[in-house]
Amino acid sequence: MIKSKILTAALASVAMTAGCAEQAEQPSAPAAAPAPAPAVEAAPAGVMRLPVSLNSVMVAMVNQAADPIWVAAWRNPESDADWRELERRAVQLELGGTLLTVPGTGPLDDNWTSDANWQKWAQQLSDVGAEAVDAVKARDIGAISSVGDAIVEICEGCHIDFKLALPTGGEFGELSPTAEDFEE
């Protein structure tokens, strides 16, 4: 029941954010008709479906949320604003794990979400996101570093099982930063 409420709130948040982004991007002149959405098999009756692929959720939300948590172990947050931003990212990571249990528009999404191993990885990601929230609230750099290590293990394990060849599927460009990216 709680997972269902979290998922409903998450989907509402995604829909509202998407709606805001679409309104902000609309030009004042009439635009050409939008490209049709990719064809996706219809979900069974009563099955909720995300409006984007699970790959997009992973790259745009999970990866985007995880990066600042990893970086915080190398470059500690310095201000209250930095800590608040890191907490938002930890919440996004927790939410991202939950969203990965719902099929989206990707060609493999139904297969992935129906696989018990996928569900296990998604739950572990959500759980480590909750741990990240606690670590950030406590401003515990050691715990944040441990959470970052767990995120790497979860993401790499899932990618070995499901997405070895294309970590990002080519979406949004670059992969995550490493410690070497911050060496001077």
N, C-alpha and C. Protein backbone atom coordinates (compact mmCIF):
# COMPACT_ATOMS: atom_id res chain seq x y z
N MET A 1 0.83 -1.20 0.00
CA MET A 1 0.00 0.00 0.00
C MET A 1 0.87 1.26 0.00
N ILE A 2 1.90 1.27 0.85
CA ILE A 2 2.77 2.45 0.92
C ILE A 2 3.51 2.60 -0.40
N LYS A 3 4.02 1.46 -0.97
CA LYS A 3 4.71 1.53 -2.24
C LYS A 3 3.80 2.10 -3.32
N SER A 4 2.54 1.70 -3.30
CA SER A 4 1.57 2.19 -4.27
C SER A 4 1.37 3.69 -4.13
N LYS A 5 1.29 4.17 -2.89
CA LYS A 5 1.12 5.62 -2.67
C LYS A 5 2.36 6.38 -3.12
N ILE A 6 3.56 5.83 -2.83
CA ILE A 6 4.80 6.48 -3.26
C ILE A 6 4.85 6.53 -4.78
N LEU A 7 4.50 5.42 -5.41
CA LEU A 7 4.52 5.36 -6.87
C LEU A 7 3.53 6.34 -7.48
N THR A 8 2.34 6.41 -6.92
CA THR A 8 1.34 7.35 -7.42
C THR A 8 1.85 8.78 -7.29
N ALA A 9 2.44 9.11 -6.14
CA ALA A 9 2.98 10.46 -5.94
C ALA A 9 4.13 10.72 -6.91
N ALA A 10 4.97 9.71 -7.13
CA ALA A 10 6.10 9.86 -8.05
C ALA A 10 5.61 10.13 -9.46
N LEU A 11 4.65 9.35 -9.90
CA LEU A 11 4.13 9.54 -11.25
C LEU A 11 3.46 10.89 -11.41
N ALA A 12 2.76 11.33 -10.38
CA ALA A 12 2.14 12.65 -10.44
C ALA A 12 3.21 13.73 -10.54
N SER A 13 4.30 13.56 -9.79
CA SER A 13 5.39 14.52 -9.82
C SER A 13 6.05 14.55 -11.20
N VAL A 14 6.30 13.37 -11.77
CA VAL A 14 6.89 13.30 -13.11
C VAL A 14 5.97 13.96 -14.13
N ALA A 15 4.68 13.67 -14.05
CA ALA A 15 3.72 14.25 -14.99
C ALA A 15 3.68 15.77 -14.86
N MET A 16 3.66 16.26 -13.61
CA MET A 16 3.60 17.71 -13.40
C MET A 16 4.88 18.37 -13.91
N THR A 17 6.04 17.76 -13.62
CA THR A 17 7.30 18.31 -14.08
C THR A 17 7.35 18.33 -15.60
N ALA A 18 6.92 17.24 -16.21
CA ALA A 18 6.91 17.19 -17.67
C ALA A 18 5.98 18.25 -18.23
N GLY A 19 4.85 18.43 -17.62
CA GLY A 19 3.90 19.44 -18.08
C GLY A 19 4.48 20.84 -17.96
N CYS A 20 5.17 21.12 -16.85
CA CYS A 20 5.79 22.43 -16.67
C CYS A 20 6.87 22.65 -17.72
N ALA A 21 7.69 21.61 -17.97
CA ALA A 21 8.76 21.75 -18.94
C ALA A 21 8.18 21.99 -20.33
N GLU A 22 7.11 21.29 -20.66
CA GLU A 22 6.52 21.47 -21.97
C GLU A 22 5.95 22.87 -22.13
N GLN A 23 5.31 23.40 -21.10
CA GLN A 23 4.77 24.75 -21.20
C GLN A 23 5.88 25.77 -21.34
N ALA A 24 6.97 25.59 -20.58
CA ALA A 24 8.05 26.56 -20.62
C ALA A 24 8.75 26.56 -21.97
N GLU A 25 8.74 25.42 -22.66
CA GLU A 25 9.45 25.32 -23.92
C GLU A 25 8.60 25.72 -25.12
N GLN A 26 7.32 25.97 -24.95
CA GLN A 26 6.46 26.28 -26.07
C GLN A 26 6.81 27.66 -26.64
N PRO A 27 7.07 27.71 -27.94
CA PRO A 27 7.35 29.01 -28.56
C PRO A 27 6.06 29.80 -28.68
N SER A 28 6.21 31.13 -28.85
CA SER A 28 5.03 31.97 -28.97
C SER A 28 4.33 31.76 -30.31
N ALA A 29 5.09 31.38 -31.34
CA ALA A 29 4.49 31.10 -32.65
C ALA A 29 3.99 29.65 -32.67
N PRO A 30 2.99 29.37 -33.49
CA PRO A 30 2.50 27.99 -33.56
C PRO A 30 3.63 27.04 -33.98
N ALA A 31 3.70 25.91 -33.33
CA ALA A 31 4.74 24.92 -33.61
C ALA A 31 4.18 23.83 -34.50
N ALA A 32 5.09 23.14 -35.16
CA ALA A 32 4.69 22.00 -35.98
C ALA A 32 4.15 20.90 -35.07
N ALA A 33 3.38 20.02 -35.63
CA ALA A 33 2.81 18.92 -34.84
C ALA A 33 3.94 18.09 -34.27
N PRO A 34 3.81 17.65 -33.00
CA PRO A 34 4.87 16.85 -32.39
C PRO A 34 4.99 15.50 -33.08
N ALA A 35 6.19 14.94 -33.00
CA ALA A 35 6.42 13.61 -33.58
C ALA A 35 5.60 12.59 -32.79
N PRO A 36 5.09 11.59 -33.47
CA PRO A 36 4.31 10.58 -32.75
C PRO A 36 5.18 9.83 -31.76
N ALA A 37 4.57 9.40 -30.66
CA ALA A 37 5.28 8.63 -29.64
C ALA A 37 5.65 7.28 -30.23
N PRO A 38 6.79 6.71 -29.74
CA PRO A 38 7.16 5.40 -30.26
C PRO A 38 6.10 4.36 -29.94
N ALA A 39 5.94 3.42 -30.86
CA ALA A 39 4.94 2.37 -30.65
C ALA A 39 5.40 1.44 -29.53
N VAL A 40 4.52 1.19 -28.60
CA VAL A 40 4.80 0.31 -27.47
C VAL A 40 3.59 -0.59 -27.33
N GLU A 41 3.86 -1.86 -27.04
CA GLU A 41 2.74 -2.76 -26.82
C GLU A 41 1.88 -2.22 -25.69
N ALA A 42 0.60 -2.36 -25.83
CA ALA A 42 -0.30 -1.91 -24.78
C ALA A 42 -0.07 -2.72 -23.52
N ALA A 43 -0.02 -2.04 -22.39
CA ALA A 43 0.12 -2.73 -21.11
C ALA A 43 -1.17 -3.45 -20.80
N PRO A 44 -1.07 -4.58 -20.09
CA PRO A 44 -2.30 -5.26 -19.70
C PRO A 44 -3.21 -4.31 -18.93
N ALA A 45 -4.51 -4.56 -19.00
CA ALA A 45 -5.47 -3.69 -18.32
C ALA A 45 -5.09 -3.54 -16.86
N GLY A 46 -5.12 -2.33 -16.38
CA GLY A 46 -4.84 -2.05 -14.98
C GLY A 46 -3.36 -1.88 -14.66
N VAL A 47 -2.45 -2.07 -15.64
CA VAL A 47 -1.02 -1.90 -15.40
C VAL A 47 -0.63 -0.46 -15.70
N MET A 48 -0.01 0.17 -14.73
CA MET A 48 0.45 1.54 -14.90
C MET A 48 1.70 1.52 -15.78
N ARG A 49 1.90 2.56 -16.61
CA ARG A 49 3.05 2.65 -17.49
C ARG A 49 3.62 4.05 -17.40
N LEU A 50 4.94 4.14 -17.28
CA LEU A 50 5.61 5.44 -17.27
C LEU A 50 5.56 6.05 -18.67
N PRO A 51 5.60 7.37 -18.77
CA PRO A 51 5.55 8.02 -20.09
C PRO A 51 6.90 8.06 -20.80
N VAL A 52 7.94 7.50 -20.18
CA VAL A 52 9.29 7.45 -20.76
C VAL A 52 9.84 6.04 -20.59
N SER A 53 10.93 5.76 -21.26
CA SER A 53 11.56 4.44 -21.13
C SER A 53 12.28 4.33 -19.79
N LEU A 54 12.48 3.10 -19.35
CA LEU A 54 13.24 2.89 -18.12
C LEU A 54 14.68 3.32 -18.31
N ASN A 55 15.20 3.22 -19.52
CA ASN A 55 16.54 3.74 -19.77
C ASN A 55 16.60 5.23 -19.48
N SER A 56 15.57 5.97 -19.88
CA SER A 56 15.53 7.41 -19.59
C SER A 56 15.47 7.66 -18.09
N VAL A 57 14.71 6.87 -17.37
CA VAL A 57 14.65 7.02 -15.91
C VAL A 57 16.03 6.78 -15.32
N MET A 58 16.71 5.74 -15.78
CA MET A 58 18.04 5.43 -15.24
C MET A 58 19.05 6.53 -15.55
N VAL A 59 19.06 7.00 -16.78
CA VAL A 59 20.07 7.97 -17.18
C VAL A 59 19.74 9.37 -16.66
N ALA A 60 18.50 9.80 -16.84
CA ALA A 60 18.14 11.18 -16.49
C ALA A 60 17.84 11.37 -15.01
N MET A 61 17.43 10.32 -14.32
CA MET A 61 17.06 10.48 -12.91
C MET A 61 18.03 9.76 -11.98
N VAL A 62 18.20 8.46 -12.18
CA VAL A 62 19.04 7.69 -11.27
C VAL A 62 20.49 8.13 -11.37
N ASN A 63 21.03 8.15 -12.57
CA ASN A 63 22.43 8.54 -12.74
C ASN A 63 22.64 9.99 -12.29
N GLN A 64 21.72 10.85 -12.65
CA GLN A 64 21.82 12.27 -12.28
C GLN A 64 21.77 12.45 -10.76
N ALA A 65 21.01 11.60 -10.07
CA ALA A 65 20.92 11.68 -8.62
C ALA A 65 22.12 11.04 -7.94
N ALA A 66 22.64 9.96 -8.51
CA ALA A 66 23.75 9.24 -7.90
C ALA A 66 25.06 10.01 -7.99
N ASP A 67 25.29 10.69 -9.10
CA ASP A 67 26.57 11.38 -9.30
C ASP A 67 26.93 12.32 -8.14
N PRO A 68 26.04 13.22 -7.71
CA PRO A 68 26.42 14.11 -6.61
C PRO A 68 26.70 13.37 -5.29
N ILE A 69 26.08 12.23 -5.10
CA ILE A 69 26.34 11.45 -3.89
C ILE A 69 27.75 10.88 -3.95
N TRP A 70 28.14 10.33 -5.12
CA TRP A 70 29.52 9.85 -5.27
C TRP A 70 30.51 10.99 -5.10
N VAL A 71 30.23 12.11 -5.73
CA VAL A 71 31.14 13.25 -5.69
C VAL A 71 31.28 13.78 -4.28
N ALA A 72 30.25 13.73 -3.47
CA ALA A 72 30.30 14.25 -2.09
C ALA A 72 31.35 13.52 -1.26
N ALA A 73 31.66 12.28 -1.59
CA ALA A 73 32.70 11.55 -0.87
C ALA A 73 34.09 12.11 -1.20
N TRP A 74 34.25 12.73 -2.39
CA TRP A 74 35.53 13.30 -2.79
C TRP A 74 35.59 14.79 -2.52
N ARG A 75 34.46 15.44 -2.70
CA ARG A 75 34.34 16.89 -2.48
C ARG A 75 33.16 17.11 -1.58
N ASN A 76 33.44 17.27 -0.30
CA ASN A 76 32.37 17.38 0.69
C ASN A 76 31.54 18.63 0.50
N PRO A 77 30.22 18.52 0.72
CA PRO A 77 29.37 19.71 0.65
C PRO A 77 29.89 20.77 1.63
N GLU A 78 29.84 22.02 1.21
CA GLU A 78 30.41 23.09 2.03
C GLU A 78 29.37 24.00 2.65
N SER A 79 28.20 24.08 2.08
CA SER A 79 27.19 25.02 2.57
C SER A 79 25.89 24.28 2.86
N ASP A 80 24.98 24.98 3.56
CA ASP A 80 23.66 24.40 3.78
C ASP A 80 22.95 24.12 2.46
N ALA A 81 23.15 25.00 1.49
CA ALA A 81 22.53 24.80 0.18
C ALA A 81 23.08 23.52 -0.48
N ASP A 82 24.39 23.28 -0.35
CA ASP A 82 24.98 22.06 -0.90
C ASP A 82 24.35 20.82 -0.25
N TRP A 83 24.16 20.86 1.06
CA TRP A 83 23.56 19.73 1.78
C TRP A 83 22.10 19.53 1.37
N ARG A 84 21.36 20.61 1.20
CA ARG A 84 19.96 20.48 0.76
C ARG A 84 19.88 19.86 -0.64
N GLU A 85 20.76 20.31 -1.52
CA GLU A 85 20.78 19.75 -2.88
C GLU A 85 21.12 18.27 -2.84
N LEU A 86 22.07 17.89 -2.01
CA LEU A 86 22.45 16.49 -1.89
C LEU A 86 21.29 15.66 -1.33
N GLU A 87 20.54 16.22 -0.40
CA GLU A 87 19.37 15.51 0.13
C GLU A 87 18.31 15.32 -0.96
N ARG A 88 18.08 16.34 -1.78
CA ARG A 88 17.12 16.20 -2.89
C ARG A 88 17.56 15.08 -3.83
N ARG A 89 18.84 15.02 -4.12
CA ARG A 89 19.35 13.97 -5.00
C ARG A 89 19.17 12.59 -4.38
N ALA A 90 19.38 12.47 -3.07
CA ALA A 90 19.19 11.18 -2.39
C ALA A 90 17.72 10.75 -2.47
N VAL A 91 16.81 11.70 -2.30
CA VAL A 91 15.38 11.38 -2.43
C VAL A 91 15.07 10.94 -3.86
N GLN A 92 15.66 11.61 -4.85
CA GLN A 92 15.46 11.23 -6.25
C GLN A 92 15.97 9.82 -6.50
N LEU A 93 17.08 9.46 -5.88
CA LEU A 93 17.61 8.11 -6.04
C LEU A 93 16.65 7.07 -5.46
N GLU A 94 16.12 7.35 -4.28
CA GLU A 94 15.14 6.46 -3.67
C GLU A 94 13.91 6.32 -4.57
N LEU A 95 13.42 7.41 -5.07
CA LEU A 95 12.27 7.42 -5.97
C LEU A 95 12.58 6.70 -7.28
N GLY A 96 13.78 6.92 -7.80
CA GLY A 96 14.17 6.28 -9.05
C GLY A 96 14.11 4.76 -8.97
N GLY A 97 14.56 4.21 -7.86
CA GLY A 97 14.47 2.76 -7.68
C GLY A 97 13.04 2.27 -7.75
N THR A 98 12.14 3.01 -7.13
CA THR A 98 10.72 2.63 -7.17
C THR A 98 10.16 2.75 -8.58
N LEU A 99 10.52 3.80 -9.29
CA LEU A 99 10.02 3.98 -10.66
C LEU A 99 10.49 2.87 -11.58
N LEU A 100 11.66 2.31 -11.31
CA LEU A 100 12.19 1.25 -12.18
C LEU A 100 11.40 -0.06 -12.07
N THR A 101 10.43 -0.11 -11.18
CA THR A 101 9.59 -1.31 -11.08
C THR A 101 8.36 -1.22 -11.98
N VAL A 102 8.18 -0.08 -12.64
CA VAL A 102 7.02 0.16 -13.49
C VAL A 102 7.48 0.23 -14.94
N PRO A 103 6.87 -0.52 -15.84
CA PRO A 103 7.31 -0.46 -17.24
C PRO A 103 7.06 0.92 -17.83
N GLY A 104 7.93 1.28 -18.74
CA GLY A 104 7.79 2.54 -19.46
C GLY A 104 7.60 2.25 -20.95
N THR A 105 8.15 3.12 -21.77
CA THR A 105 7.95 3.03 -23.22
C THR A 105 9.06 2.30 -23.95
N GLY A 106 10.09 1.87 -23.24
CA GLY A 106 11.22 1.21 -23.88
C GLY A 106 10.90 -0.18 -24.38
N PRO A 107 11.62 -0.64 -25.41
CA PRO A 107 11.32 -1.93 -26.00
C PRO A 107 11.54 -3.12 -25.06
N LEU A 108 12.38 -2.97 -24.04
CA LEU A 108 12.64 -4.07 -23.10
C LEU A 108 11.98 -3.86 -21.74
N ASP A 109 11.28 -2.76 -21.57
CA ASP A 109 10.74 -2.41 -20.25
C ASP A 109 9.82 -3.47 -19.67
N ASP A 110 8.93 -4.03 -20.47
CA ASP A 110 8.02 -5.06 -19.95
C ASP A 110 8.79 -6.30 -19.51
N ASN A 111 9.79 -6.68 -20.32
CA ASN A 111 10.61 -7.84 -19.95
C ASN A 111 11.37 -7.58 -18.66
N TRP A 112 11.99 -6.41 -18.56
CA TRP A 112 12.77 -6.09 -17.36
C TRP A 112 11.88 -6.10 -16.12
N THR A 113 10.78 -5.37 -16.16
CA THR A 113 9.98 -5.22 -14.95
C THR A 113 9.27 -6.51 -14.55
N SER A 114 9.14 -7.46 -15.47
CA SER A 114 8.52 -8.73 -15.10
C SER A 114 9.55 -9.74 -14.57
N ASP A 115 10.82 -9.36 -14.58
CA ASP A 115 11.90 -10.24 -14.12
C ASP A 115 12.15 -10.01 -12.62
N ALA A 116 12.13 -11.08 -11.83
CA ALA A 116 12.32 -10.97 -10.38
C ALA A 116 13.69 -10.38 -10.04
N ASN A 117 14.70 -10.68 -10.84
CA ASN A 117 16.03 -10.14 -10.58
C ASN A 117 16.06 -8.61 -10.78
N TRP A 118 15.35 -8.14 -11.81
CA TRP A 118 15.24 -6.69 -12.04
C TRP A 118 14.56 -6.03 -10.83
N GLN A 119 13.48 -6.63 -10.38
CA GLN A 119 12.75 -6.09 -9.23
C GLN A 119 13.65 -6.03 -7.99
N LYS A 120 14.51 -7.05 -7.82
CA LYS A 120 15.45 -7.08 -6.69
C LYS A 120 16.43 -5.90 -6.78
N TRP A 121 17.00 -5.69 -7.98
CA TRP A 121 17.94 -4.57 -8.15
C TRP A 121 17.25 -3.23 -7.91
N ALA A 122 16.03 -3.08 -8.44
CA ALA A 122 15.29 -1.82 -8.26
C ALA A 122 15.02 -1.56 -6.78
N GLN A 123 14.63 -2.59 -6.05
CA GLN A 123 14.37 -2.44 -4.61
C GLN A 123 15.65 -2.07 -3.87
N GLN A 124 16.75 -2.70 -4.24
CA GLN A 124 18.03 -2.37 -3.60
C GLN A 124 18.40 -0.91 -3.86
N LEU A 125 18.13 -0.44 -5.07
CA LEU A 125 18.42 0.95 -5.40
C LEU A 125 17.55 1.89 -4.56
N SER A 126 16.29 1.58 -4.44
CA SER A 126 15.40 2.40 -3.61
C SER A 126 15.86 2.39 -2.15
N ASP A 127 16.24 1.21 -1.66
CA ASP A 127 16.71 1.09 -0.28
C ASP A 127 17.98 1.90 -0.03
N VAL A 128 18.93 1.82 -0.97
CA VAL A 128 20.17 2.57 -0.79
C VAL A 128 19.90 4.08 -0.91
N GLY A 129 18.89 4.45 -1.70
CA GLY A 129 18.49 5.86 -1.75
C GLY A 129 18.00 6.33 -0.39
N ALA A 130 17.22 5.50 0.30
CA ALA A 130 16.74 5.84 1.65
C ALA A 130 17.93 5.96 2.62
N GLU A 131 18.91 5.07 2.47
CA GLU A 131 20.12 5.16 3.30
C GLU A 131 20.87 6.45 3.00
N ALA A 132 20.89 6.85 1.74
CA ALA A 132 21.56 8.10 1.36
C ALA A 132 20.86 9.29 2.00
N VAL A 133 19.54 9.27 2.02
CA VAL A 133 18.78 10.36 2.66
C VAL A 133 19.20 10.47 4.12
N ASP A 134 19.24 9.34 4.82
CA ASP A 134 19.64 9.35 6.24
C ASP A 134 21.07 9.84 6.42
N ALA A 135 21.98 9.38 5.56
CA ALA A 135 23.38 9.79 5.67
C ALA A 135 23.54 11.29 5.44
N VAL A 136 22.81 11.82 4.47
CA VAL A 136 22.90 13.25 4.18
C VAL A 136 22.29 14.07 5.32
N LYS A 137 21.14 13.63 5.82
CA LYS A 137 20.53 14.35 6.95
C LYS A 137 21.46 14.38 8.16
N ALA A 138 22.23 13.30 8.36
CA ALA A 138 23.18 13.25 9.48
C ALA A 138 24.49 13.96 9.15
N ARG A 139 24.64 14.37 7.89
CA ARG A 139 25.87 15.00 7.40
C ARG A 139 27.09 14.13 7.73
N ASP A 140 26.92 12.84 7.47
CA ASP A 140 27.92 11.84 7.77
C ASP A 140 28.64 11.44 6.49
N ILE A 141 29.81 12.03 6.25
CA ILE A 141 30.56 11.79 5.02
C ILE A 141 30.96 10.32 4.90
N GLY A 142 31.31 9.68 6.01
CA GLY A 142 31.65 8.26 5.97
C GLY A 142 30.49 7.42 5.48
N ALA A 143 29.29 7.70 5.99
CA ALA A 143 28.09 6.97 5.56
C ALA A 143 27.76 7.29 4.10
N ILE A 144 27.95 8.54 3.70
CA ILE A 144 27.70 8.92 2.31
C ILE A 144 28.66 8.16 1.39
N SER A 145 29.91 8.03 1.80
CA SER A 145 30.88 7.28 1.01
C SER A 145 30.48 5.81 0.91
N SER A 146 30.02 5.23 2.01
CA SER A 146 29.57 3.83 2.00
C SER A 146 28.36 3.65 1.09
N VAL A 147 27.43 4.60 1.15
CA VAL A 147 26.25 4.56 0.28
C VAL A 147 26.69 4.65 -1.18
N GLY A 148 27.64 5.53 -1.46
CA GLY A 148 28.15 5.66 -2.82
C GLY A 148 28.73 4.35 -3.34
N ASP A 149 29.47 3.65 -2.47
CA ASP A 149 30.02 2.34 -2.86
C ASP A 149 28.89 1.36 -3.15
N ALA A 150 27.85 1.37 -2.32
CA ALA A 150 26.71 0.46 -2.52
C ALA A 150 25.99 0.78 -3.82
N ILE A 151 25.86 2.07 -4.15
CA ILE A 151 25.21 2.47 -5.40
C ILE A 151 25.98 1.88 -6.58
N VAL A 152 27.31 1.98 -6.54
CA VAL A 152 28.13 1.44 -7.61
C VAL A 152 27.90 -0.06 -7.76
N GLU A 153 27.90 -0.79 -6.63
CA GLU A 153 27.69 -2.24 -6.67
C GLU A 153 26.32 -2.59 -7.26
N ILE A 154 25.30 -1.85 -6.85
CA ILE A 154 23.94 -2.12 -7.34
C ILE A 154 23.85 -1.82 -8.84
N CYS A 155 24.33 -0.66 -9.24
CA CYS A 155 24.24 -0.29 -10.66
C CYS A 155 25.05 -1.24 -11.53
N GLU A 156 26.29 -1.55 -11.10
CA GLU A 156 27.11 -2.46 -11.89
C GLU A 156 26.49 -3.85 -11.95
N GLY A 157 25.96 -4.34 -10.83
CA GLY A 157 25.33 -5.66 -10.82
C GLY A 157 24.14 -5.73 -11.76
N CYS A 158 23.32 -4.71 -11.73
CA CYS A 158 22.15 -4.67 -12.61
C CYS A 158 22.58 -4.57 -14.07
N HIS A 159 23.59 -3.77 -14.34
CA HIS A 159 24.06 -3.64 -15.72
C HIS A 159 24.68 -4.94 -16.23
N ILE A 160 25.35 -5.68 -15.36
CA ILE A 160 25.89 -6.98 -15.78
C ILE A 160 24.74 -7.91 -16.15
N ASP A 161 23.67 -7.86 -15.37
CA ASP A 161 22.52 -8.73 -15.64
C ASP A 161 21.67 -8.27 -16.82
N PHE A 162 21.58 -6.96 -17.04
CA PHE A 162 20.59 -6.47 -18.01
C PHE A 162 21.12 -5.55 -19.11
N LYS A 163 22.17 -4.78 -18.89
CA LYS A 163 22.57 -3.74 -19.85
C LYS A 163 24.07 -3.64 -20.01
N LEU A 164 24.76 -4.74 -20.14
CA LEU A 164 26.21 -4.73 -20.17
C LEU A 164 26.78 -3.90 -21.32
N ALA A 165 26.25 -4.08 -22.51
CA ALA A 165 26.83 -3.46 -23.69
C ALA A 165 26.61 -1.95 -23.77
N LEU A 166 25.49 -1.45 -23.30
CA LEU A 166 25.18 -0.02 -23.44
C LEU A 166 24.78 0.58 -22.10
N PRO A 167 25.76 1.04 -21.31
CA PRO A 167 25.41 1.56 -19.99
C PRO A 167 24.35 2.67 -20.02
N THR A 168 24.43 3.59 -20.97
CA THR A 168 23.43 4.65 -21.03
C THR A 168 22.51 4.51 -22.23
N GLY A 169 22.78 3.56 -23.08
CA GLY A 169 21.99 3.41 -24.29
C GLY A 169 22.17 4.60 -25.22
N GLY A 170 23.23 5.37 -25.01
CA GLY A 170 23.51 6.52 -25.86
C GLY A 170 22.73 7.77 -25.48
N GLU A 171 21.95 7.72 -24.40
CA GLU A 171 21.15 8.89 -24.02
C GLU A 171 21.96 9.88 -23.18
N PHE A 172 21.79 11.13 -23.44
CA PHE A 172 22.29 12.24 -22.66
C PHE A 172 23.82 12.30 -22.56
N GLY A 173 24.53 11.64 -23.44
CA GLY A 173 25.98 11.81 -23.51
C GLY A 173 26.81 11.09 -22.48
N GLU A 174 27.56 11.85 -21.69
CA GLU A 174 28.62 11.34 -20.84
C GLU A 174 28.16 10.38 -19.74
N LEU A 175 29.11 9.53 -19.34
CA LEU A 175 28.89 8.68 -18.18
C LEU A 175 29.22 9.45 -16.92
N SER A 176 29.08 8.81 -15.78
CA SER A 176 29.30 9.44 -14.48
C SER A 176 30.75 9.86 -14.31
N PRO A 177 30.98 10.89 -13.49
CA PRO A 177 32.36 11.30 -13.20
C PRO A 177 33.04 10.27 -12.29
N THR A 178 34.37 10.32 -12.30
CA THR A 178 35.16 9.48 -11.40
C THR A 178 36.03 10.41 -10.56
N ALA A 179 36.70 9.84 -9.57
CA ALA A 179 37.56 10.64 -8.70
C ALA A 179 38.64 11.36 -9.52
N GLU A 180 39.10 10.70 -10.58
CA GLU A 180 40.15 11.31 -11.43
C GLU A 180 39.67 12.62 -12.07
N ASP A 181 38.37 12.75 -12.28
CA ASP A 181 37.84 13.97 -12.88
C ASP A 181 38.02 15.18 -11.97
N PHE A 182 38.29 14.93 -10.67
CA PHE A 182 38.41 16.02 -9.71
C PHE A 182 39.84 16.24 -9.24
N GLU A 183 40.78 15.47 -9.79
CA GLU A 183 42.18 15.66 -9.43
C GLU A 183 42.71 16.88 -10.13
N GLU A 184 43.59 17.59 -9.42
CA GLU A 184 44.13 18.82 -10.00
C GLU A 184 45.54 18.67 -10.43
